[in-house]
């Protein structure tokens, strides 16, 4: 299950309002937005990999502060055709 690369596409944050006291931190499960087949060059040969676009967020209450991250992972696996087929069919 090798991850070949990780790239941030977007990183945003909002400080929110200053507050004192307890802060609740809520983070989302990373959400897969899209999976598609990509071709990369490794040495002198080409290799098919999966490009996985994702987003992730963290919120802080009661300050209403938040952090949002969007990125891409290049991933290779023996079952990548099956993974891609399931994504196109069921989006999971």
C-alpha atoms as a PDB file:
ATOM      1  CA  UNK A   1       0.000   0.000   0.000  1.00  0.00           C
ATOM      2  CA  UNK A   2       2.690   2.519  -0.962  1.00  0.00           C
ATOM      3  CA  UNK A   3       2.001   6.213  -1.082  1.00  0.00           C
ATOM      4  CA  UNK A   4       4.297   7.634  -3.753  1.00  0.00           C
ATOM      5  CA  UNK A   5       3.702  11.315  -3.116  1.00  0.00           C
ATOM      6  CA  UNK A   6       1.604  13.769  -1.169  1.00  0.00           C
ATOM      7  CA  UNK A   7       0.804  17.273  -2.385  1.00  0.00           C
ATOM      8  CA  UNK A   8      -1.120  20.059  -0.690  1.00  0.00           C
ATOM      9  CA  UNK A   9      -3.397  21.901  -3.114  1.00  0.00           C
ATOM     10  CA  UNK A  10      -5.088  24.249  -0.674  1.00  0.00           C
ATOM     11  CA  UNK A  11      -4.588  25.163   2.965  1.00  0.00           C
ATOM     12  CA  UNK A  12      -6.826  27.733   4.620  1.00  0.00           C
ATOM     13  CA  UNK A  13      -7.550  28.769   8.148  1.00  0.00           C
ATOM     14  CA  UNK A  14      -9.565  31.251  10.159  1.00  0.00           C
ATOM     15  CA  UNK A  15      -8.507  32.268  13.665  1.00  0.00           C
ATOM     16  CA  UNK A  16     -12.080  32.895  14.767  1.00  0.00           C
ATOM     17  CA  UNK A  17     -12.990  34.956  17.823  1.00  0.00           C
ATOM     18  CA  UNK A  18     -10.806  35.146  20.946  1.00  0.00           C
ATOM     19  CA  UNK A  19     -12.390  33.146  23.791  1.00  0.00           C
ATOM     20  CA  UNK A  20     -11.262  31.797  27.129  1.00  0.00           C
ATOM     21  CA  UNK A  21     -12.122  28.510  28.722  1.00  0.00           C
ATOM     22  CA  UNK A  22     -12.618  25.073  27.268  1.00  0.00           C
ATOM     23  CA  UNK A  23     -12.168  24.553  23.528  1.00  0.00           C
ATOM     24  CA  UNK A  24     -13.780  21.628  21.696  1.00  0.00           C
ATOM     25  CA  UNK A  25     -11.828  20.350  18.706  1.00  0.00           C
ATOM     26  CA  UNK A  26     -13.699  18.464  16.000  1.00  0.00           C
ATOM     27  CA  UNK A  27     -11.870  16.921  13.067  1.00  0.00           C
ATOM     28  CA  UNK A  28     -13.477  15.327  10.063  1.00  0.00           C
ATOM     29  CA  UNK A  29     -12.603  11.977   8.607  1.00  0.00           C
ATOM     30  CA  UNK A  30     -10.556  12.730   5.480  1.00  0.00           C
ATOM     31  CA  UNK A  31     -13.058  12.826   2.613  1.00  0.00           C
ATOM     32  CA  UNK A  32     -12.091  11.386  -0.757  1.00  0.00           C
ATOM     33  CA  UNK A  33     -13.325  13.768  -3.451  1.00  0.00           C
ATOM     34  CA  UNK A  34     -12.099  11.905  -6.513  1.00  0.00           C
ATOM     35  CA  UNK A  35      -9.959   8.981  -7.659  1.00  0.00           C
ATOM     36  CA  UNK A  36      -8.532   8.743 -11.150  1.00  0.00           C
ATOM     37  CA  UNK A  37      -5.815   6.831 -12.914  1.00  0.00           C
ATOM     38  CA  UNK A  38      -2.624   8.754 -13.642  1.00  0.00           C
ATOM     39  CA  UNK A  39       0.541   7.846 -15.476  1.00  0.00           C
ATOM     40  CA  UNK A  40       3.916   8.782 -14.029  1.00  0.00           C
ATOM     41  CA  UNK A  41       7.464   8.264 -15.251  1.00  0.00           C
ATOM     42  CA  UNK A  42       9.681   6.152 -13.010  1.00  0.00           C
ATOM     43  CA  UNK A  43      13.223   6.049 -14.345  1.00  0.00           C
ATOM     44  CA  UNK A  44      12.795   5.287 -18.035  1.00  0.00           C
ATOM     45  CA  UNK A  45       9.433   3.523 -17.746  1.00  0.00           C
ATOM     46  CA  UNK A  46       5.881   4.677 -17.244  1.00  0.00           C
ATOM     47  CA  UNK A  47       3.719   3.421 -14.395  1.00  0.00           C
ATOM     48  CA  UNK A  48      -0.025   3.728 -13.798  1.00  0.00           C
ATOM     49  CA  UNK A  49      -0.971   4.961 -10.335  1.00  0.00           C
ATOM     50  CA  UNK A  50      -4.060   6.307  -8.608  1.00  0.00           C
ATOM     51  CA  UNK A  51      -4.444  10.033  -8.000  1.00  0.00           C
ATOM     52  CA  UNK A  52      -6.611  10.484  -4.902  1.00  0.00           C
ATOM     53  CA  UNK A  53      -7.990  13.972  -4.201  1.00  0.00           C
ATOM     54  CA  UNK A  54      -9.053  14.546  -0.602  1.00  0.00           C
ATOM     55  CA  UNK A  55     -10.176  17.195   1.862  1.00  0.00           C
ATOM     56  CA  UNK A  56      -9.926  17.400   5.633  1.00  0.00           C
ATOM     57  CA  UNK A  57     -11.143  19.959   8.160  1.00  0.00           C
ATOM     58  CA  UNK A  58     -10.778  20.817  11.830  1.00  0.00           C
ATOM     59  CA  UNK A  59     -13.069  23.178  13.766  1.00  0.00           C
ATOM     60  CA  UNK A  60     -12.579  24.722  17.178  1.00  0.00           C
ATOM     61  CA  UNK A  61     -15.591  25.719  19.290  1.00  0.00           C
ATOM     62  CA  UNK A  62     -16.642  28.150  20.681  1.00  0.00           C
ATOM     63  CA  UNK A  63     -14.062  30.286  18.845  1.00  0.00           C
ATOM     64  CA  UNK A  64     -15.384  29.255  15.413  1.00  0.00           C
ATOM     65  CA  UNK A  65     -11.786  28.830  14.262  1.00  0.00           C
ATOM     66  CA  UNK A  66     -11.221  26.347  11.447  1.00  0.00           C
ATOM     67  CA  UNK A  67      -8.578  24.778   9.249  1.00  0.00           C
ATOM     68  CA  UNK A  68      -9.298  23.245   5.834  1.00  0.00           C
ATOM     69  CA  UNK A  69      -6.836  21.152   3.844  1.00  0.00           C
ATOM     70  CA  UNK A  70      -7.178  19.880   0.279  1.00  0.00           C
ATOM     71  CA  UNK A  71      -4.586  17.682  -1.348  1.00  0.00           C
ATOM     72  CA  UNK A  72      -3.645  14.811  -3.584  1.00  0.00           C
ATOM     73  CA  UNK A  73      -1.984  11.479  -2.911  1.00  0.00           C
ATOM     74  CA  UNK A  74      -0.375   9.361  -5.629  1.00  0.00           C
ATOM     75  CA  UNK A  75      -0.874   5.756  -4.613  1.00  0.00           C
ATOM     76  CA  UNK A  76      -0.036   2.356  -6.072  1.00  0.00           C
ATOM     77  CA  UNK A  77      -1.432  -1.043  -5.149  1.00  0.00           C
ATOM     78  CA  UNK A  78      -1.885  -4.462  -6.723  1.00  0.00           C
ATOM     79  CA  UNK A  79      -5.650  -3.897  -6.499  1.00  0.00           C
ATOM     80  CA  UNK A  80      -5.709  -0.384  -7.974  1.00  0.00           C
ATOM     81  CA  UNK A  81      -7.936  -1.408 -10.911  1.00  0.00           C
ATOM     82  CA  UNK A  82     -10.465  -2.808  -8.433  1.00  0.00           C
ATOM     83  CA  UNK A  83     -10.205   0.332  -6.275  1.00  0.00           C
ATOM     84  CA  UNK A  84     -10.817   2.565  -9.300  1.00  0.00           C
ATOM     85  CA  UNK A  85     -13.718   0.405 -10.513  1.00  0.00           C
ATOM     86  CA  UNK A  86     -15.397   0.546  -7.068  1.00  0.00           C
ATOM     87  CA  UNK A  87     -14.878   4.313  -6.882  1.00  0.00           C
ATOM     88  CA  UNK A  88     -16.503   4.879 -10.282  1.00  0.00           C
ATOM     89  CA  UNK A  89     -19.407   2.609  -9.336  1.00  0.00           C
ATOM     90  CA  UNK A  90     -20.067   3.518  -5.689  1.00  0.00           C
ATOM     91  CA  UNK A  91     -17.882   6.563  -4.882  1.00  0.00           C
ATOM     92  CA  UNK A  92     -16.301   4.626  -1.994  1.00  0.00           C
END
